[in-house]
Amino acid sequence: MSSSLSVDKIRARIKHPIIDADGHTLEFLPAVRDHVVALGGADMAKEFDQVFTVGAMGEGLSDEEKRALGLFKMTWWGFPARNTLDRATAHLPRLLYQRLDEIGLDYAVIYPTQGLGGLMMPSAESRQVFCRAFNHYYAEEFLEFSDRMTPAALIPMQTPDEAIVELEYAVNTLGLKTAVVSGFAYRPLAGDNVPRGARWVDTFGLDSPYDYDPVWAKCVELGIAPSFHSSGMGWPNRASLSSYVYNHIGNFAAAGEATCRSLVLGGVLNRFPQLQMAFLEGGVGWATNLYADMISHWEKRSRDIQHYNPNHMDRTQLRQLFEQHGSERFKSHLDNLSAIDVFSDPKQDLDGLDEFSATGFQSAEDIKALFTGNLYFGCEADDPMNASAFNSDANPLQARLKPIFSSDIGHWDVPEMNGVVPEAYELVEDGLLTEVDFKEFVFSNDAQMLHRGNPDFFVGTAVEDAVKELVNSN
């Protein structure tokens, strides 16, 4: 379903621009390959060819062999086909530029598709060459249309050093001004002859083997508001060998939630309060849940956790209550009451007692300020849960989170490109969003995020004056 109104009628009704925070381009791989050859030579280009026919990688392997390699059912029939114009539009930046008014977009941030695979290459050399080749491609194909579109650079995060190198190159050499940062890195388990599939997920905040603070500092320096667009497909509960749908449902939400939770509890936003961060394509339902859960845990498991210290328990009274109310079987074990200390060890090491210490939270209001000030959540047009971000009656402390309109044009989620704006507006017609909510969703939130990261982000764009008016009104 979508709005009964056409794009033109919706645009006539609203008095603000629409910014697409997450459209997609379908890279034309032969053109990307030219950059791979230039950067890495013919041998690297052969590896590029092998990687981007990864669908054939598991052919002839048993299920056990696939699992050992960490393989799973990947995307198939993932892009427009019947609508040939939309398919060509996803490939051709010039055609997309010409159709922006028809689609209903004033400005669009365009994200990779195949390029996202470059972020996860296990080989450092191929990962860095592939990401840079894609970044060259994005700059070459999109920058002439910079008044209405901007492409996101790929930033690998396997180590802080490679992230910093590519951030500097993308911004200072290629002229790109936004970036999709890998949301996690696979780390192999220790040991010899460990299968490729035996690995853990590093989300760069808690328990990372590296210090990623220099990466966040570089983002602040370069005016980059890092966005995360990582997939949880292939994680243990999303590794079906037969069903892509099973693997895909909720995968972006799972990956975004893991990274967000790690960065918040790891204190990254406490150390870098200027950072604005976006978690894309997973919607905002997970974020409202994480926000509420974060407050609940902080209230019970931060500095006031002494309420649960088993050393404060009156064991004489406990024995009396067991004697008075216990069954005969309970009473037969009264000399073994230490059994209740499972998960409640009186000898618990008190170092690190406050697991929220890195966050800097002093009150629940501080958690609200973070979730409503620094964090943004990419929401597709047809997701009814978008309304949960604005439900101040349900969200703790009457919070309104910051969803950002993410069309996902170019992918199978969007059967018709000119239907995304009407689908987004349907929530207004259904009474789930107000006109004020809709403006925040499709314009204000993303404009504020990008402007706060880089005050010059919108200079020279079609929405420069509208963003300036928005900023001056706040």
Foldseek 3Di string as FASTA:
>chain_A
DFFPDFLVVVVVVFDAFFEAEEAEAAEPVVQLLVQLCVQPNDVLSVVVVVVVVCVCVCPPPDPVLCLLQLAFDADDPWFADVPVLLLVLSHAVVSVLVCCVLLRHQAYEYEYDVLVVLLADPDPVSSLSSQVSVLLVQLVRPVVVQQHYAYAGEAHPPDLVSRLVRVCCSCVPSNGAEHEYEQWYWAADDDPPRGNNRTDIGRQFPPDPHPNLVNVVSLLVRLYQYEYQDFQQSPPQQGHRPDNVSNHVQGLVVSLLVNVVRCQLSQSCVVVVLHAYERADNACPSVLVVLQVVQVCLVDQAPNVVVLQCVPDDVVVVLVCCVVPPDPVSVVCSVPVCVVCVVRPNPDDCVCSGSSVSNPDPHSVVSLCCQAPRYEYEDFLQDLCNLVQQQLVPRPPRHRGQYEYHHHRGTPVPNDSSRRVRSNCVCCVVVSDPSVRSCRHRPVRVLVNSCSSPVCSNVSHSCVVVSVVSVVVD
